[in-house]
Amino acid sequence: MNFESEGYREFLELFSRHVETYLGDIDLVMHETVSDAVHVDIHVVPANEERPYIALITSGMSDLPMSVPDELDEFKYAELLICLPPDWPISMEAFQDEKNYWPVRWLKILARHPYYAATWFGINHTIPTGEPVCEGLDIAGFMLVPPMVSEVEFFELEVSQEKKVYFYQLLPIYQDEMDLKLEQGADALWEKLEEHLEIEDLINPYRASVCR
């Protein structure tokens, strides 16, 4: 997409209004200067009294369609978000440390993954990272879930009659949690998560595994 085009400006206006309606004011946009496959920017919504968490949301992933099955054609456009504790360091200086930057890095990696791998993302899909997300953190991957920290209307943005964009939240999970989901299904993992954790725990990547 031409990022100076009228079409892109119209999308960005819709996107920004949608995010700010359901999550809060966008405080910062981390623009990419070099992109491949798709141009992915990260929008930062700081914590507020109503929603005590930081939200990082991609824009640009939905520029290209994912390779969804024919019967799921409606769901071929997506964006991603991750939520972090309210005291998570958000600055260019803080991002020099990978322990602060990894959520941004993985948003960018996963926003491009469907195009490199000719695949698609949907609710309850699990994505192994294949490597530690950062040193000292045993997160083994992510499960894609509907946004847990907003009204249900945030999940879907109608851009036009031909295009709807769906927002999926990245839920960091441990290897034993991923194994449970793969062996017994998403409902089994959700039962464990809901039994042990509140939302503020779920968005904390330093939480304990619910399978231990």
N, C-alpha and C. Protein backbone atom coordinates (compact mmCIF):
# COMPACT_ATOMS: atom_id res chain seq x y z
N MET A 1 0.85 -1.20 0.00
CA MET A 1 0.00 0.00 0.00
C MET A 1 0.88 1.24 0.00
N ASN A 2 0.45 2.25 -0.72
CA ASN A 2 1.11 3.54 -0.70
C ASN A 2 0.71 4.26 0.59
N PHE A 3 1.67 4.47 1.49
CA PHE A 3 1.35 5.01 2.80
C PHE A 3 1.10 6.51 2.78
N GLU A 4 1.21 7.09 1.61
CA GLU A 4 0.81 8.49 1.46
C GLU A 4 -0.54 8.59 0.74
N SER A 5 -1.13 7.46 0.38
CA SER A 5 -2.35 7.47 -0.42
C SER A 5 -3.55 7.86 0.42
N GLU A 6 -4.59 8.30 -0.28
CA GLU A 6 -5.84 8.67 0.40
C GLU A 6 -6.45 7.44 1.07
N GLY A 7 -6.36 6.28 0.40
CA GLY A 7 -6.93 5.06 0.96
C GLY A 7 -6.29 4.68 2.28
N TYR A 8 -4.96 4.82 2.36
CA TYR A 8 -4.28 4.49 3.60
C TYR A 8 -4.64 5.48 4.69
N ARG A 9 -4.71 6.75 4.35
CA ARG A 9 -5.07 7.76 5.35
C ARG A 9 -6.47 7.50 5.89
N GLU A 10 -7.38 7.10 5.01
CA GLU A 10 -8.74 6.79 5.45
C GLU A 10 -8.76 5.59 6.38
N PHE A 11 -7.98 4.55 6.04
CA PHE A 11 -7.91 3.38 6.92
C PHE A 11 -7.33 3.76 8.27
N LEU A 12 -6.25 4.54 8.27
CA LEU A 12 -5.61 4.91 9.52
C LEU A 12 -6.55 5.73 10.39
N GLU A 13 -7.36 6.57 9.77
CA GLU A 13 -8.33 7.34 10.54
C GLU A 13 -9.36 6.43 11.17
N LEU A 14 -9.88 5.46 10.40
CA LEU A 14 -10.83 4.49 10.95
C LEU A 14 -10.18 3.67 12.06
N PHE A 15 -8.97 3.20 11.82
CA PHE A 15 -8.24 2.38 12.78
C PHE A 15 -8.05 3.16 14.08
N SER A 16 -7.57 4.38 13.98
CA SER A 16 -7.28 5.18 15.18
C SER A 16 -8.55 5.47 15.96
N ARG A 17 -9.62 5.80 15.27
CA ARG A 17 -10.89 6.07 15.94
C ARG A 17 -11.39 4.82 16.66
N HIS A 18 -11.24 3.67 16.01
CA HIS A 18 -11.67 2.40 16.59
C HIS A 18 -10.89 2.09 17.87
N VAL A 19 -9.57 2.21 17.79
CA VAL A 19 -8.72 1.94 18.95
C VAL A 19 -9.05 2.89 20.09
N GLU A 20 -9.17 4.16 19.78
CA GLU A 20 -9.38 5.14 20.84
C GLU A 20 -10.78 5.04 21.44
N THR A 21 -11.75 4.58 20.66
CA THR A 21 -13.11 4.39 21.20
C THR A 21 -13.13 3.28 22.24
N TYR A 22 -12.41 2.19 21.97
CA TYR A 22 -12.54 1.02 22.82
C TYR A 22 -11.38 0.80 23.79
N LEU A 23 -10.21 1.39 23.52
CA LEU A 23 -9.06 1.18 24.39
C LEU A 23 -8.57 2.44 25.08
N GLY A 24 -8.58 3.56 24.37
CA GLY A 24 -8.08 4.80 24.94
C GLY A 24 -7.24 5.55 23.92
N ASP A 25 -6.79 6.73 24.29
CA ASP A 25 -6.03 7.58 23.38
C ASP A 25 -4.70 6.96 23.01
N ILE A 26 -4.36 7.02 21.74
CA ILE A 26 -3.05 6.56 21.27
C ILE A 26 -2.01 7.61 21.65
N ASP A 27 -1.04 7.19 22.44
CA ASP A 27 -0.03 8.12 22.96
C ASP A 27 1.21 8.19 22.08
N LEU A 28 1.48 7.09 21.35
CA LEU A 28 2.72 6.98 20.59
C LEU A 28 2.51 6.01 19.44
N VAL A 29 3.11 6.32 18.29
CA VAL A 29 3.12 5.39 17.16
C VAL A 29 4.58 5.13 16.80
N MET A 30 4.96 3.86 16.84
CA MET A 30 6.32 3.47 16.47
C MET A 30 6.32 3.11 14.99
N HIS A 31 6.78 4.03 14.16
CA HIS A 31 6.75 3.86 12.71
C HIS A 31 7.97 3.07 12.25
N GLU A 32 7.74 2.14 11.34
CA GLU A 32 8.84 1.44 10.71
C GLU A 32 9.48 2.33 9.66
N THR A 33 10.79 2.27 9.58
CA THR A 33 11.49 2.99 8.52
C THR A 33 11.88 2.05 7.38
N VAL A 34 12.04 0.75 7.71
CA VAL A 34 12.34 -0.26 6.70
C VAL A 34 11.37 -1.41 6.90
N SER A 35 10.70 -1.84 5.84
CA SER A 35 9.69 -2.89 5.95
C SER A 35 9.87 -3.91 4.85
N ASP A 36 9.42 -5.14 5.13
CA ASP A 36 9.31 -6.15 4.08
C ASP A 36 7.98 -6.89 4.28
N ALA A 37 7.45 -7.41 3.19
CA ALA A 37 6.14 -8.08 3.16
C ALA A 37 5.03 -7.07 3.44
N VAL A 38 4.97 -6.56 4.65
CA VAL A 38 4.01 -5.52 4.99
C VAL A 38 4.70 -4.49 5.87
N HIS A 39 4.17 -3.29 5.87
CA HIS A 39 4.67 -2.21 6.72
C HIS A 39 3.88 -2.26 8.02
N VAL A 40 4.56 -2.51 9.14
CA VAL A 40 3.88 -2.69 10.42
C VAL A 40 4.31 -1.59 11.40
N ASP A 41 3.36 -0.77 11.78
CA ASP A 41 3.58 0.21 12.84
C ASP A 41 2.94 -0.30 14.13
N ILE A 42 3.44 0.18 15.25
CA ILE A 42 2.91 -0.22 16.55
C ILE A 42 2.34 1.02 17.25
N HIS A 43 1.08 0.93 17.62
CA HIS A 43 0.39 2.03 18.30
C HIS A 43 0.32 1.71 19.79
N VAL A 44 0.66 2.68 20.61
CA VAL A 44 0.73 2.49 22.06
C VAL A 44 -0.40 3.25 22.74
N VAL A 45 -1.22 2.51 23.49
CA VAL A 45 -2.25 3.12 24.33
C VAL A 45 -1.81 2.93 25.78
N PRO A 46 -1.51 4.02 26.48
CA PRO A 46 -1.03 3.87 27.86
C PRO A 46 -2.14 3.39 28.80
N ALA A 47 -1.74 2.93 29.96
CA ALA A 47 -2.71 2.53 30.98
C ALA A 47 -3.51 3.74 31.45
N ASN A 48 -4.74 3.49 31.80
CA ASN A 48 -5.58 4.55 32.36
C ASN A 48 -6.44 3.97 33.49
N GLU A 49 -7.22 4.81 34.14
CA GLU A 49 -7.99 4.35 35.29
C GLU A 49 -9.00 3.27 34.90
N GLU A 50 -9.60 3.42 33.73
CA GLU A 50 -10.61 2.46 33.30
C GLU A 50 -9.99 1.14 32.87
N ARG A 51 -8.82 1.22 32.21
CA ARG A 51 -8.14 0.02 31.72
C ARG A 51 -6.68 0.07 32.17
N PRO A 52 -6.39 -0.54 33.31
CA PRO A 52 -5.04 -0.42 33.91
C PRO A 52 -4.02 -1.35 33.27
N TYR A 53 -3.77 -1.14 32.01
CA TYR A 53 -2.77 -1.92 31.29
C TYR A 53 -2.32 -1.08 30.10
N ILE A 54 -1.17 -1.41 29.55
CA ILE A 54 -0.68 -0.80 28.31
C ILE A 54 -1.07 -1.71 27.15
N ALA A 55 -1.57 -1.14 26.08
CA ALA A 55 -1.91 -1.91 24.88
C ALA A 55 -1.00 -1.50 23.74
N LEU A 56 -0.41 -2.49 23.07
CA LEU A 56 0.36 -2.28 21.85
C LEU A 56 -0.41 -2.94 20.71
N ILE A 57 -0.73 -2.17 19.67
CA ILE A 57 -1.57 -2.66 18.58
C ILE A 57 -0.87 -2.44 17.25
N THR A 58 -0.87 -3.46 16.40
CA THR A 58 -0.28 -3.31 15.07
C THR A 58 -1.24 -2.59 14.14
N SER A 59 -0.67 -1.90 13.16
CA SER A 59 -1.42 -1.47 11.97
C SER A 59 -0.54 -1.77 10.76
N GLY A 60 -1.16 -2.29 9.71
CA GLY A 60 -0.43 -2.64 8.50
C GLY A 60 -0.53 -4.11 8.15
N MET A 61 -0.66 -4.96 9.15
CA MET A 61 -0.83 -6.39 8.89
C MET A 61 -2.02 -6.64 7.97
N SER A 62 -3.08 -5.87 8.17
CA SER A 62 -4.31 -6.08 7.39
C SER A 62 -4.24 -5.49 5.99
N ASP A 63 -3.08 -4.96 5.61
CA ASP A 63 -2.92 -4.48 4.24
C ASP A 63 -3.02 -5.63 3.24
N LEU A 64 -2.59 -6.84 3.66
CA LEU A 64 -2.65 -8.01 2.79
C LEU A 64 -3.56 -9.07 3.41
N PRO A 65 -4.26 -9.86 2.59
CA PRO A 65 -5.11 -10.91 3.13
C PRO A 65 -4.29 -12.13 3.55
N MET A 66 -4.77 -12.83 4.57
CA MET A 66 -4.17 -14.09 4.96
C MET A 66 -4.75 -15.22 4.11
N SER A 67 -4.07 -16.35 4.12
CA SER A 67 -4.50 -17.51 3.32
C SER A 67 -5.49 -18.35 4.12
N VAL A 68 -6.68 -17.81 4.32
CA VAL A 68 -7.70 -18.51 5.12
C VAL A 68 -8.41 -19.55 4.26
N PRO A 69 -9.01 -20.57 4.90
CA PRO A 69 -9.87 -21.50 4.14
C PRO A 69 -11.03 -20.74 3.50
N ASP A 70 -11.54 -21.26 2.40
CA ASP A 70 -12.59 -20.58 1.65
C ASP A 70 -13.78 -20.23 2.52
N GLU A 71 -14.15 -21.14 3.43
CA GLU A 71 -15.34 -20.90 4.24
C GLU A 71 -15.12 -19.82 5.31
N LEU A 72 -13.86 -19.38 5.48
CA LEU A 72 -13.56 -18.34 6.46
C LEU A 72 -13.05 -17.07 5.79
N ASP A 73 -13.47 -16.87 4.56
CA ASP A 73 -12.97 -15.74 3.78
C ASP A 73 -13.16 -14.40 4.49
N GLU A 74 -14.22 -14.28 5.28
CA GLU A 74 -14.50 -13.03 5.99
C GLU A 74 -13.37 -12.66 6.93
N PHE A 75 -12.61 -13.67 7.40
CA PHE A 75 -11.61 -13.45 8.45
C PHE A 75 -10.19 -13.34 7.90
N LYS A 76 -10.04 -12.94 6.66
CA LYS A 76 -8.71 -12.93 6.05
C LYS A 76 -7.87 -11.70 6.38
N TYR A 77 -8.46 -10.71 7.05
CA TYR A 77 -7.70 -9.52 7.43
C TYR A 77 -7.62 -9.43 8.95
N ALA A 78 -6.44 -9.18 9.46
CA ALA A 78 -6.26 -9.17 10.91
C ALA A 78 -5.22 -8.15 11.34
N GLU A 79 -5.32 -7.74 12.58
CA GLU A 79 -4.28 -7.00 13.29
C GLU A 79 -4.09 -7.67 14.64
N LEU A 80 -2.98 -7.39 15.29
CA LEU A 80 -2.62 -8.03 16.55
C LEU A 80 -2.44 -7.00 17.65
N LEU A 81 -2.66 -7.42 18.88
CA LEU A 81 -2.34 -6.57 20.02
C LEU A 81 -1.80 -7.43 21.15
N ILE A 82 -1.06 -6.80 22.02
CA ILE A 82 -0.62 -7.44 23.25
C ILE A 82 -0.80 -6.42 24.36
N CYS A 83 -1.17 -6.90 25.53
CA CYS A 83 -1.37 -6.02 26.68
C CYS A 83 -0.30 -6.32 27.73
N LEU A 84 0.16 -5.26 28.37
CA LEU A 84 1.28 -5.35 29.31
C LEU A 84 0.93 -4.65 30.61
N PRO A 85 1.59 -5.01 31.70
CA PRO A 85 1.35 -4.33 32.97
C PRO A 85 1.59 -2.82 32.85
N PRO A 86 0.91 -2.03 33.69
CA PRO A 86 0.96 -0.57 33.53
C PRO A 86 2.33 0.04 33.76
N ASP A 87 3.23 -0.68 34.44
CA ASP A 87 4.55 -0.12 34.70
C ASP A 87 5.61 -0.60 33.69
N TRP A 88 5.16 -1.22 32.58
CA TRP A 88 6.11 -1.70 31.57
C TRP A 88 6.83 -0.51 30.94
N PRO A 89 8.18 -0.52 30.87
CA PRO A 89 8.91 0.62 30.29
C PRO A 89 8.63 0.77 28.79
N ILE A 90 8.18 1.94 28.39
CA ILE A 90 7.90 2.23 26.98
C ILE A 90 8.68 3.48 26.59
N SER A 91 9.85 3.27 25.99
CA SER A 91 10.65 4.38 25.48
C SER A 91 11.73 3.81 24.60
N MET A 92 12.30 4.63 23.75
CA MET A 92 13.38 4.15 22.89
C MET A 92 14.58 3.71 23.73
N GLU A 93 14.82 4.40 24.82
CA GLU A 93 15.93 4.01 25.69
C GLU A 93 15.65 2.65 26.34
N ALA A 94 14.42 2.48 26.85
CA ALA A 94 14.07 1.21 27.50
C ALA A 94 14.13 0.05 26.52
N PHE A 95 13.79 0.32 25.25
CA PHE A 95 13.76 -0.73 24.24
C PHE A 95 15.15 -1.19 23.80
N GLN A 96 16.19 -0.54 24.29
CA GLN A 96 17.52 -1.04 24.04
C GLN A 96 17.76 -2.36 24.79
N ASP A 97 16.94 -2.60 25.80
CA ASP A 97 17.00 -3.83 26.59
C ASP A 97 15.94 -4.79 26.07
N GLU A 98 16.34 -5.97 25.63
CA GLU A 98 15.41 -6.92 25.03
C GLU A 98 14.31 -7.34 26.00
N LYS A 99 14.55 -7.31 27.29
CA LYS A 99 13.51 -7.70 28.24
C LYS A 99 12.34 -6.71 28.22
N ASN A 100 12.56 -5.51 27.71
CA ASN A 100 11.49 -4.54 27.53
C ASN A 100 10.94 -4.54 26.10
N TYR A 101 11.80 -4.88 25.14
CA TYR A 101 11.44 -4.73 23.73
C TYR A 101 10.73 -5.95 23.14
N TRP A 102 10.87 -7.13 23.74
CA TRP A 102 10.40 -8.34 23.08
C TRP A 102 8.92 -8.31 22.67
N PRO A 103 8.00 -7.67 23.41
CA PRO A 103 6.62 -7.65 22.92
C PRO A 103 6.48 -6.94 21.57
N VAL A 104 7.25 -5.87 21.38
CA VAL A 104 7.22 -5.18 20.09
C VAL A 104 7.80 -6.07 19.00
N ARG A 105 8.92 -6.70 19.30
CA ARG A 105 9.58 -7.55 18.32
C ARG A 105 8.66 -8.68 17.86
N TRP A 106 7.98 -9.32 18.81
CA TRP A 106 7.12 -10.45 18.44
C TRP A 106 5.84 -10.01 17.75
N LEU A 107 5.34 -8.84 18.07
CA LEU A 107 4.22 -8.32 17.29
C LEU A 107 4.61 -8.17 15.83
N LYS A 108 5.79 -7.64 15.58
CA LYS A 108 6.25 -7.44 14.21
C LYS A 108 6.50 -8.77 13.50
N ILE A 109 7.13 -9.71 14.22
CA ILE A 109 7.39 -11.02 13.62
C ILE A 109 6.07 -11.71 13.25
N LEU A 110 5.14 -11.74 14.18
CA LEU A 110 3.90 -12.47 13.95
C LEU A 110 2.99 -11.76 12.96
N ALA A 111 3.08 -10.45 12.87
CA ALA A 111 2.27 -9.73 11.88
C ALA A 111 2.67 -10.10 10.46
N ARG A 112 3.90 -10.55 10.27
CA ARG A 112 4.38 -10.94 8.94
C ARG A 112 4.29 -12.45 8.69
N HIS A 113 4.16 -13.21 9.76
CA HIS A 113 4.21 -14.67 9.64
C HIS A 113 3.19 -15.24 8.66
N PRO A 114 1.93 -14.80 8.65
CA PRO A 114 0.97 -15.40 7.71
C PRO A 114 1.38 -15.27 6.25
N TYR A 115 2.11 -14.22 5.91
CA TYR A 115 2.48 -14.00 4.51
C TYR A 115 3.72 -14.79 4.13
N TYR A 116 4.66 -14.90 5.06
CA TYR A 116 5.84 -15.71 4.80
C TYR A 116 5.51 -17.19 4.76
N ALA A 117 4.57 -17.62 5.60
CA ALA A 117 4.25 -19.04 5.72
C ALA A 117 2.99 -19.44 4.97
N ALA A 118 2.36 -18.50 4.27
CA ALA A 118 1.12 -18.78 3.54
C ALA A 118 0.10 -19.47 4.45
N THR A 119 -0.12 -18.87 5.61
CA THR A 119 -1.03 -19.44 6.60
C THR A 119 -1.98 -18.35 7.10
N TRP A 120 -2.64 -18.62 8.21
CA TRP A 120 -3.59 -17.64 8.74
C TRP A 120 -3.66 -17.77 10.26
N PHE A 121 -4.21 -16.75 10.89
CA PHE A 121 -4.41 -16.73 12.32
C PHE A 121 -5.90 -16.68 12.63
N GLY A 122 -6.30 -17.34 13.69
CA GLY A 122 -7.68 -17.29 14.15
C GLY A 122 -7.73 -17.53 15.64
N ILE A 123 -8.91 -17.43 16.20
CA ILE A 123 -9.10 -17.57 17.64
C ILE A 123 -8.61 -18.94 18.12
N ASN A 124 -7.86 -18.93 19.22
CA ASN A 124 -7.32 -20.11 19.89
C ASN A 124 -6.18 -20.79 19.13
N HIS A 125 -5.72 -20.19 18.02
CA HIS A 125 -4.51 -20.71 17.40
C HIS A 125 -3.34 -20.50 18.36
N THR A 126 -2.43 -21.47 18.40
CA THR A 126 -1.22 -21.33 19.20
C THR A 126 -0.02 -21.25 18.26
N ILE A 127 0.92 -20.38 18.61
CA ILE A 127 2.09 -20.13 17.78
C ILE A 127 3.33 -20.30 18.64
N PRO A 128 4.09 -21.39 18.46
CA PRO A 128 5.33 -21.54 19.22
C PRO A 128 6.38 -20.56 18.72
N THR A 129 7.17 -20.04 19.63
CA THR A 129 8.20 -19.09 19.23
C THR A 129 9.45 -19.81 18.72
N GLY A 130 9.68 -21.05 19.18
CA GLY A 130 10.86 -21.78 18.76
C GLY A 130 12.15 -21.29 19.40
N GLU A 131 12.05 -20.27 20.21
CA GLU A 131 13.20 -19.70 20.90
C GLU A 131 12.66 -18.91 22.09
N PRO A 132 13.47 -18.68 23.10
CA PRO A 132 12.99 -17.83 24.20
C PRO A 132 12.63 -16.44 23.69
N VAL A 133 11.52 -15.89 24.16
CA VAL A 133 11.17 -14.55 23.71
C VAL A 133 12.20 -13.53 24.19
N CYS A 134 12.82 -13.83 25.31
CA CYS A 134 13.98 -13.07 25.76
C CYS A 134 14.66 -13.88 26.85
N GLU A 135 15.90 -13.54 27.13
CA GLU A 135 16.67 -14.28 28.13
C GLU A 135 16.00 -14.20 29.49
N GLY A 136 15.86 -15.34 30.14
CA GLY A 136 15.28 -15.36 31.48
C GLY A 136 13.78 -15.49 31.53
N LEU A 137 13.13 -15.59 30.36
CA LEU A 137 11.67 -15.70 30.32
C LEU A 137 11.32 -16.97 29.55
N ASP A 138 10.55 -17.84 30.19
CA ASP A 138 10.30 -19.17 29.63
C ASP A 138 9.04 -19.25 28.78
N ILE A 139 8.55 -18.12 28.31
CA ILE A 139 7.40 -18.13 27.42
C ILE A 139 7.74 -18.97 26.18
N ALA A 140 6.86 -19.93 25.84
CA ALA A 140 7.12 -20.83 24.71
C ALA A 140 6.35 -20.44 23.46
N GLY A 141 5.43 -19.51 23.59
CA GLY A 141 4.64 -19.12 22.43
C GLY A 141 3.45 -18.27 22.85
N PHE A 142 2.51 -18.15 21.94
CA PHE A 142 1.35 -17.31 22.16
C PHE A 142 0.09 -18.05 21.73
N MET A 143 -1.01 -17.76 22.43
CA MET A 143 -2.31 -18.18 21.95
C MET A 143 -3.08 -16.93 21.53
N LEU A 144 -3.74 -17.02 20.39
CA LEU A 144 -4.52 -15.89 19.89
C LEU A 144 -5.92 -15.96 20.47
N VAL A 145 -6.34 -14.87 21.09
CA VAL A 145 -7.66 -14.83 21.73
C VAL A 145 -8.37 -13.54 21.32
N PRO A 146 -9.70 -13.50 21.42
CA PRO A 146 -10.38 -12.23 21.21
C PRO A 146 -9.90 -11.24 22.27
N PRO A 147 -9.91 -9.96 21.97
CA PRO A 147 -9.44 -8.98 22.97
C PRO A 147 -10.19 -9.15 24.29
N MET A 148 -9.46 -9.42 25.35
CA MET A 148 -10.06 -9.67 26.66
C MET A 148 -10.24 -8.39 27.46
N VAL A 149 -9.65 -7.31 27.00
CA VAL A 149 -9.55 -6.12 27.82
C VAL A 149 -10.33 -4.95 27.21
N SER A 150 -11.38 -5.27 26.47
CA SER A 150 -12.21 -4.23 25.86
C SER A 150 -13.60 -4.77 25.63
N GLU A 151 -14.50 -3.88 25.22
CA GLU A 151 -15.81 -4.33 24.83
C GLU A 151 -15.69 -5.27 23.62
N VAL A 152 -16.65 -6.17 23.48
CA VAL A 152 -16.58 -7.16 22.40
C VAL A 152 -16.57 -6.50 21.04
N GLU A 153 -17.11 -5.30 20.93
CA GLU A 153 -17.17 -4.62 19.63
C GLU A 153 -15.79 -4.28 19.09
N PHE A 154 -14.79 -4.25 19.94
CA PHE A 154 -13.45 -3.93 19.46
C PHE A 154 -12.91 -5.01 18.54
N PHE A 155 -13.37 -6.24 18.70
CA PHE A 155 -12.86 -7.38 17.92
C PHE A 155 -12.93 -7.15 16.42
N GLU A 156 -13.92 -6.40 15.96
CA GLU A 156 -14.17 -6.28 14.52
C GLU A 156 -14.23 -4.81 14.10
N LEU A 157 -13.51 -4.48 13.04
CA LEU A 157 -13.55 -3.15 12.43
C LEU A 157 -13.98 -3.30 10.99
N GLU A 158 -15.13 -2.72 10.63
CA GLU A 158 -15.58 -2.75 9.25
C GLU A 158 -14.97 -1.58 8.49
N VAL A 159 -14.08 -1.90 7.58
CA VAL A 159 -13.40 -0.89 6.78
C VAL A 159 -14.25 -0.52 5.57
N SER A 160 -14.86 -1.52 4.97
CA SER A 160 -15.75 -1.32 3.82
C SER A 160 -16.67 -2.53 3.74
N GLN A 161 -17.56 -2.55 2.76
CA GLN A 161 -18.43 -3.70 2.58
C GLN A 161 -17.63 -4.95 2.25
N GLU A 162 -16.48 -4.77 1.64
CA GLU A 162 -15.65 -5.90 1.22
C GLU A 162 -14.59 -6.29 2.24
N LYS A 163 -14.37 -5.47 3.26
CA LYS A 163 -13.22 -5.71 4.14
C LYS A 163 -13.58 -5.47 5.60
N LYS A 164 -13.37 -6.52 6.41
CA LYS A 164 -13.46 -6.41 7.85
C LYS A 164 -12.12 -6.83 8.43
N VAL A 165 -11.67 -6.09 9.42
CA VAL A 165 -10.41 -6.39 10.08
C VAL A 165 -10.73 -6.89 11.49
N TYR A 166 -10.10 -8.02 11.86
CA TYR A 166 -10.31 -8.61 13.18
C TYR A 166 -9.05 -8.46 14.02
N PHE A 167 -9.24 -8.11 15.28
CA PHE A 167 -8.13 -7.87 16.20
C PHE A 167 -7.98 -9.07 17.13
N TYR A 168 -6.79 -9.66 17.14
CA TYR A 168 -6.50 -10.81 17.98
C TYR A 168 -5.45 -10.42 19.03
N GLN A 169 -5.72 -10.79 20.27
CA GLN A 169 -4.79 -10.50 21.35
C GLN A 169 -3.82 -11.66 21.51
N LEU A 170 -2.53 -11.33 21.67
CA LEU A 170 -1.51 -12.34 21.92
C LEU A 170 -1.45 -12.62 23.42
N LEU A 171 -1.71 -13.87 23.78
CA LEU A 171 -1.63 -14.29 25.17
C LEU A 171 -0.37 -15.14 25.34
N PRO A 172 0.66 -14.63 26.03
CA PRO A 172 1.87 -15.42 26.22
C PRO A 172 1.57 -16.67 27.06
N ILE A 173 2.07 -17.83 26.62
CA ILE A 173 1.84 -19.07 27.36
C ILE A 173 3.14 -19.87 27.47
N TYR A 174 3.17 -20.74 28.48
CA TYR A 174 4.32 -21.59 28.73
C TYR A 174 4.17 -22.91 27.97
N GLN A 175 5.27 -23.67 27.91
CA GLN A 175 5.25 -24.91 27.14
C GLN A 175 4.22 -25.90 27.68
N ASP A 176 4.10 -26.04 29.00
CA ASP A 176 3.13 -26.99 29.53
C ASP A 176 1.70 -26.54 29.24
N GLU A 177 1.47 -25.24 29.19
CA GLU A 177 0.14 -24.73 28.83
C GLU A 177 -0.15 -25.00 27.35
N MET A 178 0.85 -24.80 26.50
CA MET A 178 0.66 -25.09 25.09
C MET A 178 0.43 -26.58 24.87
N ASP A 179 1.16 -27.42 25.60
CA ASP A 179 0.97 -28.87 25.47
C ASP A 179 -0.45 -29.26 25.87
N LEU A 180 -0.96 -28.67 26.95
CA LEU A 180 -2.33 -28.96 27.38
C LEU A 180 -3.33 -28.58 26.30
N LYS A 181 -3.13 -27.40 25.71
CA LYS A 181 -4.05 -26.96 24.66
C LYS A 181 -4.00 -27.88 23.46
N LEU A 182 -2.80 -28.27 23.05
CA LEU A 182 -2.66 -29.12 21.87
C LEU A 182 -3.19 -30.54 22.12
N GLU A 183 -3.06 -31.02 23.36
CA GLU A 183 -3.48 -32.39 23.67
C GLU A 183 -4.97 -32.48 24.01
N GLN A 184 -5.49 -31.47 24.71
CA GLN A 184 -6.87 -31.56 25.21
C GLN A 184 -7.79 -30.48 24.65
N GLY A 185 -7.24 -29.53 23.91
CA GLY A 185 -8.07 -28.50 23.30
C GLY A 185 -8.05 -27.19 24.07
N ALA A 186 -8.50 -26.14 23.40
CA ALA A 186 -8.46 -24.80 23.99
C ALA A 186 -9.33 -24.70 25.23
N ASP A 187 -10.46 -25.41 25.26
CA ASP A 187 -11.36 -25.31 26.42
C ASP A 187 -10.66 -25.77 27.69
N ALA A 188 -9.83 -26.81 27.58
CA ALA A 188 -9.13 -27.32 28.76
C ALA A 188 -8.16 -26.28 29.30
N LEU A 189 -7.45 -25.59 28.41
CA LEU A 189 -6.54 -24.55 28.86
C LEU A 189 -7.31 -23.37 29.43
N TRP A 190 -8.38 -22.97 28.78
CA TRP A 190 -9.17 -21.84 29.29
C TRP A 190 -9.73 -22.13 30.68
N GLU A 191 -10.13 -23.38 30.92
CA GLU A 191 -10.64 -23.75 32.24
C GLU A 191 -9.57 -23.52 33.30
N LYS A 192 -8.34 -23.91 32.99
CA LYS A 192 -7.24 -23.70 33.93
C LYS A 192 -6.95 -22.20 34.13
N LEU A 193 -6.91 -21.46 33.02
CA LEU A 193 -6.61 -20.04 33.11
C LEU A 193 -7.65 -19.30 33.95
N GLU A 194 -8.92 -19.60 33.69
CA GLU A 194 -9.99 -18.91 34.40
C GLU A 194 -10.07 -19.31 35.87
N GLU A 195 -9.62 -20.54 36.16
CA GLU A 195 -9.63 -21.01 37.54
C GLU A 195 -8.58 -20.31 38.38
N HIS A 196 -7.44 -19.99 37.78
CA HIS A 196 -6.30 -19.50 38.55
C HIS A 196 -6.00 -18.01 38.39
N LEU A 197 -6.47 -17.39 37.31
CA LEU A 197 -5.98 -16.06 36.99
C LEU A 197 -7.10 -15.04 36.76
N GLU A 198 -6.82 -13.81 37.16
CA GLU A 198 -7.63 -12.66 36.77
C GLU A 198 -6.97 -12.02 35.54
N ILE A 199 -7.66 -11.06 34.92
CA ILE A 199 -7.13 -10.45 33.70
C ILE A 199 -5.76 -9.83 33.95
N GLU A 200 -5.59 -9.16 35.11
CA GLU A 200 -4.29 -8.53 35.36
C GLU A 200 -3.17 -9.55 35.46
N ASP A 201 -3.52 -10.79 35.83
CA ASP A 201 -2.52 -11.85 35.85
C ASP A 201 -2.22 -12.35 34.44
N LEU A 202 -3.27 -12.47 33.62
CA LEU A 202 -3.10 -12.97 32.27
C LEU A 202 -2.19 -12.09 31.43
N ILE A 203 -2.25 -10.79 31.64
CA ILE A 203 -1.42 -9.90 30.82
C ILE A 203 -0.01 -9.76 31.36
N ASN A 204 0.29 -10.42 32.48
CA ASN A 204 1.61 -10.34 33.07
C ASN A 204 2.46 -11.52 32.56
N PRO A 205 3.45 -11.27 31.70
CA PRO A 205 4.24 -12.38 31.15
C PRO A 205 5.13 -13.04 32.19
N TYR A 206 5.20 -12.50 33.39
CA TYR A 206 6.01 -13.10 34.46
C TYR A 206 5.16 -13.92 35.44
N ARG A 207 3.92 -14.17 35.05
CA ARG A 207 3.03 -14.97 35.91
C ARG A 207 3.54 -16.42 35.96
N ALA A 208 3.01 -17.19 36.90
CA ALA A 208 3.32 -18.62 36.97
C ALA A 208 2.43 -19.39 35.98
N SER A 209 2.90 -20.52 35.52
CA SER A 209 2.09 -21.39 34.67
C SER A 209 0.91 -21.94 35.47
N VAL A 210 -0.24 -22.07 34.84
CA VAL A 210 -1.41 -22.64 35.51
C VAL A 210 -1.38 -24.17 35.49
N CYS A 211 -0.37 -24.76 34.87
CA CYS A 211 -0.26 -26.23 34.78
C CYS A 211 0.75 -26.79 35.77
N ARG A 212 1.28 -25.97 36.64
CA ARG A 212 2.29 -26.45 37.60
C ARG A 212 1.70 -26.54 38.99
